[in-house]
Amino acid sequence: MQLPRLYALRFNPVEQERRQRVWRVLCRSFFQRYIEPADTVLDIGAGYCEFINQIDCGRRIALDPSADVRRYAGPGVEVVQGVCTSLDALADATVDVVFASNVFEHLPSKQHLLQALAEARRVLRPGGRILILQPNIRYAGGKYWDYFDHHLPLTERSLVEALGLAELTPVEVRPRFLPFTTKSRLPQHPFLVWLYLKLPLAHRLLGQQSWIVAAR
């Protein structure tokens, strides 16, 4: 699939800049709490590198199948062109945190998902964590299929079962967290995004993506 062209059609330059502002708040006000200063962090399916560019840690690695990831990776970010089902460039037990945002719905089958989780477990150090932000088809409904590259339908429950099969232990499961997409009807101003994060009731009303943390 021509992913760079597809994403260029999906997100124009104005939308990409808006996404950067939203991710800046998400990283500083939420995701950073799961990451220690000395951690090695691997972002699988890094895409525009909105997450990995803005996280403070000891070592940052961006993995993506598209060569375009090199254009977006910030200073100090190591780039690996590859797929999440085969992390051959990384040795066993060398990563503290694996981050996967809007990745697994793009995989063609459940077997590919299990391969990706097995590879994540392999590269994680004992006690390491995988952080998953995942569209939840239970709450997104038909909108889940509005994107041409979505293949695998998942809820937080099916993902928890897959993690168990991969011998990863869920330690935090939020069925509803963020809206389905940055195109959703959520105010995009940084202050309003910050406020949304502080209001769990808003998550239960508007959240169509799950947040799951699992440990090795």
C-alpha atoms as a PDB file:
ATOM      1  CA  MET A   1       0.000   0.000   0.000  1.00  0.00           C
ATOM      2  CA  GLN A   2       1.223   3.527  -0.815  1.00  0.00           C
ATOM      3  CA  LEU A   3       1.128   4.735   2.794  1.00  0.00           C
ATOM      4  CA  PRO A   4       2.978   8.067   2.364  1.00  0.00           C
ATOM      5  CA  ARG A   5       0.575   9.080  -0.410  1.00  0.00           C
ATOM      6  CA  LEU A   6      -2.421   7.875   1.578  1.00  0.00           C
ATOM      7  CA  TYR A   7      -1.448   9.909   4.657  1.00  0.00           C
ATOM      8  CA  ALA A   8      -0.703  12.967   2.540  1.00  0.00           C
ATOM      9  CA  LEU A   9      -4.265  12.724   1.241  1.00  0.00           C
ATOM     10  CA  ARG A  10      -5.619  12.164   4.746  1.00  0.00           C
ATOM     11  CA  PHE A  11      -3.784  14.973   6.550  1.00  0.00           C
ATOM     12  CA  ASN A  12      -3.088  18.250   4.798  1.00  0.00           C
ATOM     13  CA  PRO A  13      -0.299  20.535   6.146  1.00  0.00           C
ATOM     14  CA  VAL A  14      -2.723  22.479   8.350  1.00  0.00           C
ATOM     15  CA  GLU A  15      -4.038  19.273   9.909  1.00  0.00           C
ATOM     16  CA  GLN A  16      -0.507  17.969  10.421  1.00  0.00           C
ATOM     17  CA  GLU A  17       0.417  21.120  12.334  1.00  0.00           C
ATOM     18  CA  ARG A  18      -2.737  20.787  14.438  1.00  0.00           C
ATOM     19  CA  ARG A  19      -1.848  17.181  15.198  1.00  0.00           C
ATOM     20  CA  GLN A  20       1.609  18.274  16.361  1.00  0.00           C
ATOM     21  CA  ARG A  21       0.055  20.724  18.830  1.00  0.00           C
ATOM     22  CA  VAL A  22      -2.324  18.083  20.173  1.00  0.00           C
ATOM     23  CA  TRP A  23       0.450  15.518  20.565  1.00  0.00           C
ATOM     24  CA  ARG A  24       2.651  18.027  22.368  1.00  0.00           C
ATOM     25  CA  VAL A  25      -0.003  18.315  25.079  1.00  0.00           C
ATOM     26  CA  LEU A  26      -0.666  14.565  25.160  1.00  0.00           C
ATOM     27  CA  CYS A  27       3.023  13.805  25.638  1.00  0.00           C
ATOM     28  CA  ARG A  28       3.698  16.412  28.295  1.00  0.00           C
ATOM     29  CA  SER A  29       0.467  15.999  30.235  1.00  0.00           C
ATOM     30  CA  PHE A  30      -0.115  12.249  29.985  1.00  0.00           C
ATOM     31  CA  PHE A  31       2.300   9.908  28.197  1.00  0.00           C
ATOM     32  CA  GLN A  32       5.433  11.244  29.877  1.00  0.00           C
ATOM     33  CA  ARG A  33       4.305   9.933  33.277  1.00  0.00           C
ATOM     34  CA  TYR A  34       4.886   6.367  32.059  1.00  0.00           C
ATOM     35  CA  ILE A  35       8.482   6.992  31.020  1.00  0.00           C
ATOM     36  CA  GLU A  36      11.588   7.431  33.191  1.00  0.00           C
ATOM     37  CA  PRO A  37      14.464   9.790  32.267  1.00  0.00           C
ATOM     38  CA  ALA A  38      16.902   6.931  31.539  1.00  0.00           C
ATOM     39  CA  ASP A  39      14.461   4.711  29.613  1.00  0.00           C
ATOM     40  CA  THR A  40      15.012   3.420  26.100  1.00  0.00           C
ATOM     41  CA  VAL A  41      11.750   3.998  24.227  1.00  0.00           C
ATOM     42  CA  LEU A  42      10.723   2.352  20.951  1.00  0.00           C
ATOM     43  CA  ASP A  43       7.869   3.923  18.976  1.00  0.00           C
ATOM     44  CA  ILE A  44       6.501   1.319  16.540  1.00  0.00           C
ATOM     45  CA  GLY A  45       4.629   2.768  13.592  1.00  0.00           C
ATOM     46  CA  ALA A  46       6.142   6.156  14.418  1.00  0.00           C
ATOM     47  CA  GLY A  47       4.747   7.867  11.313  1.00  0.00           C
ATOM     48  CA  TYR A  48       5.119  11.629  11.697  1.00  0.00           C
ATOM     49  CA  CYS A  49       7.017  11.056  14.986  1.00  0.00           C
ATOM     50  CA  GLU A  50       4.572  13.172  16.988  1.00  0.00           C
ATOM     51  CA  PHE A  51       5.178  11.003  20.053  1.00  0.00           C
ATOM     52  CA  ILE A  52       8.848  10.086  19.943  1.00  0.00           C
ATOM     53  CA  ASN A  53      10.045  13.597  19.086  1.00  0.00           C
ATOM     54  CA  GLN A  54       8.462  15.016  22.228  1.00  0.00           C
ATOM     55  CA  ILE A  55       9.190  12.387  24.866  1.00  0.00           C
ATOM     56  CA  ASP A  56      12.038  12.903  27.341  1.00  0.00           C
ATOM     57  CA  CYS A  57      14.051   9.720  27.890  1.00  0.00           C
ATOM     58  CA  GLY A  58      17.533   8.292  27.605  1.00  0.00           C
ATOM     59  CA  ARG A  59      17.254   6.797  24.106  1.00  0.00           C
ATOM     60  CA  ARG A  60      14.549   7.281  21.477  1.00  0.00           C
ATOM     61  CA  ILE A  61      13.934   4.912  18.555  1.00  0.00           C
ATOM     62  CA  ALA A  62      11.376   5.440  15.780  1.00  0.00           C
ATOM     63  CA  LEU A  63      10.318   2.413  13.718  1.00  0.00           C
ATOM     64  CA  ASP A  64       8.147   2.684  10.628  1.00  0.00           C
ATOM     65  CA  PRO A  65       7.826   0.822   7.306  1.00  0.00           C
ATOM     66  CA  SER A  66       8.038   4.080   5.333  1.00  0.00           C
ATOM     67  CA  ALA A  67      11.372   5.718   4.534  1.00  0.00           C
ATOM     68  CA  ASP A  68       9.610   9.067   5.091  1.00  0.00           C
ATOM     69  CA  VAL A  69       9.992   8.571   8.839  1.00  0.00           C
ATOM     70  CA  ARG A  70      13.532   9.922   8.466  1.00  0.00           C
ATOM     71  CA  ARG A  71      12.094  13.264   7.333  1.00  0.00           C
ATOM     72  CA  TYR A  72      10.035  13.615  10.490  1.00  0.00           C
ATOM     73  CA  ALA A  73      12.332  12.223  13.187  1.00  0.00           C
ATOM     74  CA  GLY A  74      13.769  14.972  15.377  1.00  0.00           C
ATOM     75  CA  PRO A  75      17.350  15.408  16.562  1.00  0.00           C
ATOM     76  CA  GLY A  76      18.588  12.502  18.647  1.00  0.00           C
ATOM     77  CA  VAL A  77      15.924  10.078  17.421  1.00  0.00           C
ATOM     78  CA  GLU A  78      17.296   6.833  15.966  1.00  0.00           C
ATOM     79  CA  VAL A  79      15.362   5.656  12.918  1.00  0.00           C
ATOM     80  CA  VAL A  80      14.723   2.040  11.984  1.00  0.00           C
ATOM     81  CA  GLN A  81      12.851   1.336   8.764  1.00  0.00           C
ATOM     82  CA  GLY A  82      10.935  -1.862   9.330  1.00  0.00           C
ATOM     83  CA  VAL A  83       7.721  -3.467  10.533  1.00  0.00           C
ATOM     84  CA  CYS A  84       6.488  -4.210  14.037  1.00  0.00           C
ATOM     85  CA  THR A  85       6.148  -7.937  13.329  1.00  0.00           C
ATOM     86  CA  SER A  86       9.911  -8.310  12.833  1.00  0.00           C
ATOM     87  CA  LEU A  87      12.111  -6.146  15.050  1.00  0.00           C
ATOM     88  CA  ASP A  88      15.334  -7.741  13.816  1.00  0.00           C
ATOM     89  CA  ALA A  89      17.329  -4.526  14.241  1.00  0.00           C
ATOM     90  CA  LEU A  90      16.861  -4.678  18.020  1.00  0.00           C
ATOM     91  CA  ALA A  91      18.449  -7.168  20.395  1.00  0.00           C
ATOM     92  CA  ASP A  92      16.589  -9.056  23.104  1.00  0.00           C
ATOM     93  CA  ALA A  93      15.759  -7.184  26.333  1.00  0.00           C
ATOM     94  CA  THR A  94      17.151  -3.798  25.262  1.00  0.00           C
ATOM     95  CA  VAL A  95      14.035  -1.603  25.475  1.00  0.00           C
ATOM     96  CA  ASP A  96      12.214  -0.240  28.533  1.00  0.00           C
ATOM     97  CA  VAL A  97       9.053   1.048  26.823  1.00  0.00           C
ATOM     98  CA  VAL A  98       7.361   0.109  23.552  1.00  0.00           C
ATOM     99  CA  PHE A  99       4.765   2.646  22.388  1.00  0.00           C
ATOM    100  CA  ALA A 100       2.087   1.718  19.839  1.00  0.00           C
ATOM    101  CA  SER A 101      -0.428   4.350  18.794  1.00  0.00           C
ATOM    102  CA  ASN A 102      -2.996   3.484  16.137  1.00  0.00           C
ATOM    103  CA  VAL A 103      -0.864   0.623  14.823  1.00  0.00           C
ATOM    104  CA  PHE A 104      -2.546  -2.720  15.329  1.00  0.00           C
ATOM    105  CA  GLU A 105      -5.728  -1.970  13.353  1.00  0.00           C
ATOM    106  CA  HIS A 106      -3.477  -1.755  10.264  1.00  0.00           C
ATOM    107  CA  LEU A 107      -2.237  -5.336  10.588  1.00  0.00           C
ATOM    108  CA  PRO A 108      -3.773  -7.833   8.153  1.00  0.00           C
ATOM    109  CA  SER A 109      -4.584 -10.597  10.654  1.00  0.00           C
ATOM    110  CA  LYS A 110      -4.674 -11.646  14.298  1.00  0.00           C
ATOM    111  CA  GLN A 111      -1.615 -13.805  13.696  1.00  0.00           C
ATOM    112  CA  HIS A 112       0.295 -10.672  12.669  1.00  0.00           C
ATOM    113  CA  LEU A 113      -0.879  -9.006  15.892  1.00  0.00           C
ATOM    114  CA  LEU A 114       0.445 -11.903  17.962  1.00  0.00           C
ATOM    115  CA  GLN A 115       3.751 -11.683  16.077  1.00  0.00           C
ATOM    116  CA  ALA A 116       3.990  -7.966  16.821  1.00  0.00           C
ATOM    117  CA  LEU A 117       3.265  -8.499  20.521  1.00  0.00           C
ATOM    118  CA  ALA A 118       5.769 -11.366  20.698  1.00  0.00           C
ATOM    119  CA  GLU A 119       8.433  -9.134  19.152  1.00  0.00           C
ATOM    120  CA  ALA A 120       7.582  -6.336  21.578  1.00  0.00           C
ATOM    121  CA  ARG A 121       7.961  -8.754  24.471  1.00  0.00           C
ATOM    122  CA  ARG A 122      11.276 -10.033  23.100  1.00  0.00           C
ATOM    123  CA  VAL A 123      12.886  -6.574  22.939  1.00  0.00           C
ATOM    124  CA  LEU A 124      11.472  -5.454  26.308  1.00  0.00           C
ATOM    125  CA  ARG A 125      13.605  -5.796  29.406  1.00  0.00           C
ATOM    126  CA  PRO A 126      12.061  -7.715  32.324  1.00  0.00           C
ATOM    127  CA  GLY A 127       9.620  -5.303  33.922  1.00  0.00           C
ATOM    128  CA  GLY A 128       9.425  -3.253  30.712  1.00  0.00           C
ATOM    129  CA  ARG A 129       6.092  -1.909  29.485  1.00  0.00           C
ATOM    130  CA  ILE A 130       4.121  -1.671  26.286  1.00  0.00           C
ATOM    131  CA  LEU A 131       1.844   1.386  26.013  1.00  0.00           C
ATOM    132  CA  ILE A 132      -1.032   1.017  23.556  1.00  0.00           C
ATOM    133  CA  LEU A 133      -3.396   3.683  22.235  1.00  0.00           C
ATOM    134  CA  GLN A 134      -5.912   1.769  20.130  1.00  0.00           C
ATOM    135  CA  PRO A 135      -9.172   2.619  18.343  1.00  0.00           C
ATOM    136  CA  ASN A 136     -11.951   0.598  19.968  1.00  0.00           C
ATOM    137  CA  ILE A 137     -14.435  -0.703  17.425  1.00  0.00           C
ATOM    138  CA  ARG A 138     -17.102  -1.090  20.143  1.00  0.00           C
ATOM    139  CA  TYR A 139     -17.280   2.694  20.534  1.00  0.00           C
ATOM    140  CA  ALA A 140     -16.098   3.872  17.108  1.00  0.00           C
ATOM    141  CA  GLY A 141     -18.631   1.656  15.330  1.00  0.00           C
ATOM    142  CA  GLY A 142     -18.810   2.064  11.564  1.00  0.00           C
ATOM    143  CA  LYS A 143     -16.361   4.969  11.634  1.00  0.00           C
ATOM    144  CA  TYR A 144     -13.661   2.375  12.284  1.00  0.00           C
ATOM    145  CA  TRP A 145     -13.870   1.451   8.592  1.00  0.00           C
ATOM    146  CA  ASP A 146     -13.699   5.001   7.247  1.00  0.00           C
ATOM    147  CA  TYR A 147      -9.958   4.548   6.802  1.00  0.00           C
ATOM    148  CA  PHE A 148      -8.781   2.511   3.833  1.00  0.00           C
ATOM    149  CA  ASP A 149      -5.827   0.999   5.715  1.00  0.00           C
ATOM    150  CA  HIS A 150      -7.843  -0.384   8.661  1.00  0.00           C
ATOM    151  CA  HIS A 151      -8.013  -4.181   8.588  1.00  0.00           C
ATOM    152  CA  LEU A 152      -8.162  -5.674  12.086  1.00  0.00           C
ATOM    153  CA  PRO A 153     -11.136  -4.864  14.365  1.00  0.00           C
ATOM    154  CA  LEU A 154     -10.227  -4.736  18.054  1.00  0.00           C
ATOM    155  CA  THR A 155     -11.803  -3.854  21.378  1.00  0.00           C
ATOM    156  CA  GLU A 156      -9.943  -3.433  24.651  1.00  0.00           C
ATOM    157  CA  ARG A 157     -11.109  -6.921  25.653  1.00  0.00           C
ATOM    158  CA  SER A 158      -9.799  -8.684  22.557  1.00  0.00           C
ATOM    159  CA  LEU A 159      -6.522  -6.786  22.881  1.00  0.00           C
ATOM    160  CA  VAL A 160      -6.194  -7.834  26.539  1.00  0.00           C
ATOM    161  CA  GLU A 161      -6.674 -11.460  25.461  1.00  0.00           C
ATOM    162  CA  ALA A 162      -4.000 -11.070  22.772  1.00  0.00           C
ATOM    163  CA  LEU A 163      -1.605  -9.586  25.342  1.00  0.00           C
ATOM    164  CA  GLY A 164      -2.216 -12.588  27.576  1.00  0.00           C
ATOM    165  CA  LEU A 165      -1.380 -14.965  24.732  1.00  0.00           C
ATOM    166  CA  ALA A 166       1.847 -13.024  24.226  1.00  0.00           C
ATOM    167  CA  GLU A 167       2.689 -13.379  27.944  1.00  0.00           C
ATOM    168  CA  LEU A 168       2.318  -9.662  28.607  1.00  0.00           C
ATOM    169  CA  THR A 169       0.385  -8.655  31.723  1.00  0.00           C
ATOM    170  CA  PRO A 170      -2.131  -5.770  31.483  1.00  0.00           C
ATOM    171  CA  VAL A 171      -1.697  -3.405  34.437  1.00  0.00           C
ATOM    172  CA  GLU A 172      -3.944  -0.556  33.257  1.00  0.00           C
ATOM    173  CA  VAL A 173      -6.940  -0.767  30.938  1.00  0.00           C
ATOM    174  CA  ARG A 174      -9.091   2.238  30.017  1.00  0.00           C
ATOM    175  CA  PRO A 175     -11.773   1.149  27.532  1.00  0.00           C
ATOM    176  CA  ARG A 176     -12.530   4.777  26.638  1.00  0.00           C
ATOM    177  CA  PHE A 177      -9.810   7.397  26.619  1.00  0.00           C
ATOM    178  CA  LEU A 178      -9.263   9.677  23.598  1.00  0.00           C
ATOM    179  CA  PRO A 179     -11.644  10.487  20.732  1.00  0.00           C
ATOM    180  CA  PHE A 180     -11.338   8.327  17.630  1.00  0.00           C
ATOM    181  CA  THR A 181      -9.147  10.726  15.638  1.00  0.00           C
ATOM    182  CA  THR A 182      -7.790  14.273  15.628  1.00  0.00           C
ATOM    183  CA  LYS A 183     -10.538  14.889  13.064  1.00  0.00           C
ATOM    184  CA  SER A 184     -13.094  14.179  15.816  1.00  0.00           C
ATOM    185  CA  ARG A 185     -15.208  16.930  17.318  1.00  0.00           C
ATOM    186  CA  LEU A 186     -12.775  17.651  20.134  1.00  0.00           C
ATOM    187  CA  PRO A 187     -11.464  21.197  20.669  1.00  0.00           C
ATOM    188  CA  GLN A 188      -7.924  21.338  19.288  1.00  0.00           C
ATOM    189  CA  HIS A 189      -6.651  24.261  21.361  1.00  0.00           C
ATOM    190  CA  PRO A 190      -3.813  23.034  23.628  1.00  0.00           C
ATOM    191  CA  PHE A 191      -5.531  24.265  26.796  1.00  0.00           C
ATOM    192  CA  LEU A 192      -8.770  22.448  25.918  1.00  0.00           C
ATOM    193  CA  VAL A 193      -6.873  19.242  25.141  1.00  0.00           C
ATOM    194  CA  TRP A 194      -5.150  19.551  28.535  1.00  0.00           C
ATOM    195  CA  LEU A 195      -8.535  20.125  30.177  1.00  0.00           C
ATOM    196  CA  TYR A 196      -9.989  17.055  28.443  1.00  0.00           C
ATOM    197  CA  LEU A 197      -7.202  14.913  29.910  1.00  0.00           C
ATOM    198  CA  LYS A 198      -8.152  16.121  33.394  1.00  0.00           C
ATOM    199  CA  LEU A 199     -11.842  15.192  33.041  1.00  0.00           C
ATOM    200  CA  PRO A 200     -12.498  11.403  33.206  1.00  0.00           C
ATOM    201  CA  LEU A 201     -16.207  12.013  32.589  1.00  0.00           C
ATOM    202  CA  ALA A 202     -15.316  13.479  29.182  1.00  0.00           C
ATOM    203  CA  HIS A 203     -13.375  10.294  28.415  1.00  0.00           C
ATOM    204  CA  ARG A 204     -16.445   8.174  29.144  1.00  0.00           C
ATOM    205  CA  LEU A 205     -18.607  10.371  26.928  1.00  0.00           C
ATOM    206  CA  LEU A 206     -16.265  11.042  23.990  1.00  0.00           C
ATOM    207  CA  GLY A 207     -13.548   8.406  24.174  1.00  0.00           C
ATOM    208  CA  GLN A 208     -13.473   5.942  21.288  1.00  0.00           C
ATOM    209  CA  GLN A 209      -9.872   4.834  21.718  1.00  0.00           C
ATOM    210  CA  SER A 210      -8.633   2.563  24.477  1.00  0.00           C
ATOM    211  CA  TRP A 211      -5.498   3.019  26.574  1.00  0.00           C
ATOM    212  CA  ILE A 212      -3.725  -0.122  27.735  1.00  0.00           C
ATOM    213  CA  VAL A 213      -0.465  -0.580  29.636  1.00  0.00           C
ATOM    214  CA  ALA A 214       1.004  -4.073  29.874  1.00  0.00           C
ATOM    215  CA  ALA A 215       4.185  -5.324  31.531  1.00  0.00           C
ATOM    216  CA  ARG A 216       6.668  -7.999  30.544  1.00  0.00           C
END
